[in-house]
Amino acid sequence: MNPEKAPILLFPTHFLGNFVLGLPWVLKVLESHPDALVVLDVRFGPLAAMVLPPQTRTLLFPRSEMAKDKPFFSRLSHYWRFMRAFRGARTDTILDLEGERFT
């Protein structure tokens, strides 16, 4: 791991239980890399704000805005903004806590 670049923690869970079970690992990584970017589902944003350290950088995946019932160009716009922010993190390390993709 490049010590100059903080890792990105991917936490795209669909389920509250998985979110709660994964929190100890997220907190442990944040102890050693407080500038890491935590990527998580927008549904868990308020909960994350309560349990993660205040200085934690988060990026929320706009799952509700990406629903199939939304207009195509609206979904594309939200996805594009998310990907620009994600790619802007510029890191060599991504830790995927669930091994699934954002869908």
Protein backbone atom coordinates (compact mmCIF):
# COMPACT_ATOMS: atom_id res chain seq x y z
CA MET A 1 0.00 0.00 0.00
CA ASN A 2 1.33 3.40 -0.93
CA PRO A 3 1.73 5.31 2.36
CA GLU A 4 1.12 8.63 0.60
CA LYS A 5 -2.34 7.67 -0.63
CA ALA A 6 -5.22 6.71 1.62
CA PRO A 7 -7.24 3.63 0.66
CA ILE A 8 -10.80 3.71 -0.55
CA LEU A 9 -13.15 1.53 1.47
CA LEU A 10 -16.04 0.20 -0.61
CA PHE A 11 -19.02 -0.69 1.50
CA PRO A 12 -21.91 -1.15 -0.96
CA THR A 13 -24.14 -3.29 1.23
CA HIS A 14 -27.86 -3.56 0.64
CA PHE A 15 -28.59 -4.73 4.17
CA LEU A 16 -28.43 -3.01 7.55
CA GLY A 17 -27.05 -6.14 9.23
CA ASN A 18 -24.09 -6.29 6.86
CA PHE A 19 -23.46 -2.60 7.46
CA VAL A 20 -23.40 -3.11 11.23
CA LEU A 21 -21.19 -6.21 10.99
CA GLY A 22 -18.72 -4.41 8.72
CA LEU A 23 -18.36 -1.31 10.89
CA PRO A 24 -15.56 -2.70 13.12
CA TRP A 25 -13.37 -3.26 10.04
CA VAL A 26 -14.12 0.19 8.70
CA LEU A 27 -13.29 1.77 12.06
CA LYS A 28 -10.06 -0.24 12.31
CA VAL A 29 -8.88 0.91 8.88
CA LEU A 30 -9.82 4.49 9.74
CA GLU A 31 -7.61 4.28 12.85
CA SER A 32 -4.53 3.75 10.70
CA HIS A 33 -5.76 5.73 7.66
CA PRO A 34 -7.99 8.54 8.94
CA ASP A 35 -7.99 10.20 5.52
CA ALA A 36 -9.44 7.11 3.79
CA LEU A 37 -12.52 7.60 1.66
CA VAL A 38 -15.50 5.47 2.75
CA VAL A 39 -17.93 4.74 -0.08
CA LEU A 40 -21.34 3.56 1.02
CA ASP A 41 -24.98 3.45 0.03
CA VAL A 42 -26.85 6.71 0.50
CA ARG A 43 -29.38 4.88 2.70
CA PHE A 44 -26.70 4.42 5.35
CA GLY A 45 -25.37 7.98 5.23
CA PRO A 46 -27.21 9.20 8.35
CA LEU A 47 -26.18 6.13 10.35
CA ALA A 48 -22.58 6.43 9.17
CA ALA A 49 -22.55 10.08 10.24
CA MET A 50 -23.46 8.96 13.77
CA VAL A 51 -20.89 6.17 14.12
CA LEU A 52 -17.89 7.16 12.00
CA PRO A 53 -15.34 9.65 13.29
CA PRO A 54 -16.37 13.23 12.46
CA GLN A 55 -13.46 13.84 10.07
CA THR A 56 -14.28 10.76 7.96
CA ARG A 57 -14.49 11.41 4.24
CA THR A 58 -17.55 9.70 2.77
CA LEU A 59 -18.93 9.32 -0.72
CA LEU A 60 -22.52 8.18 -0.97
CA PHE A 61 -23.62 5.96 -3.84
CA PRO A 62 -26.94 7.37 -5.14
CA ARG A 63 -28.77 4.04 -5.28
CA SER A 64 -32.26 5.55 -5.08
CA GLU A 65 -31.44 7.92 -7.92
CA MET A 66 -30.14 5.00 -9.98
CA ALA A 67 -33.38 2.99 -9.75
CA LYS A 68 -34.66 1.59 -13.03
CA ASP A 69 -37.86 3.60 -12.76
CA LYS A 70 -35.88 6.85 -13.00
CA PRO A 71 -35.31 8.47 -16.40
CA PHE A 72 -32.23 7.20 -18.18
CA PHE A 73 -30.45 10.54 -18.45
CA SER A 74 -31.14 11.32 -14.81
CA ARG A 75 -29.55 8.00 -13.81
CA LEU A 76 -26.64 8.65 -16.13
CA SER A 77 -26.11 12.11 -14.64
CA HIS A 78 -26.08 10.79 -11.06
CA TYR A 79 -23.78 7.94 -12.00
CA TRP A 80 -21.42 10.32 -13.81
CA ARG A 81 -21.19 12.63 -10.77
CA PHE A 82 -20.57 9.67 -8.48
CA MET A 83 -17.84 8.27 -10.73
CA ARG A 84 -16.13 11.67 -11.05
CA ALA A 85 -15.99 11.97 -7.26
CA PHE A 86 -14.86 8.35 -6.90
CA ARG A 87 -12.10 8.66 -9.49
CA GLY A 88 -11.02 11.95 -7.95
CA ALA A 89 -9.88 10.08 -4.84
CA ARG A 90 -6.76 8.90 -6.71
CA THR A 91 -5.59 5.92 -4.73
CA ASP A 92 -3.66 2.73 -5.34
CA THR A 93 -5.68 0.68 -2.86
CA ILE A 94 -9.36 -0.22 -2.78
CA LEU A 95 -10.71 -2.39 0.02
CA ASP A 96 -14.04 -3.93 -0.98
CA LEU A 97 -15.76 -5.14 2.18
CA GLU A 98 -18.48 -7.13 0.44
CA GLY A 99 -17.11 -8.14 -2.91
CA GLU A 100 -20.16 -6.99 -4.80
CA ARG A 101 -20.70 -4.26 -7.27
CA PHE A 102 -22.87 -1.17 -6.98
CA THR A 103 -26.13 -2.15 -8.67
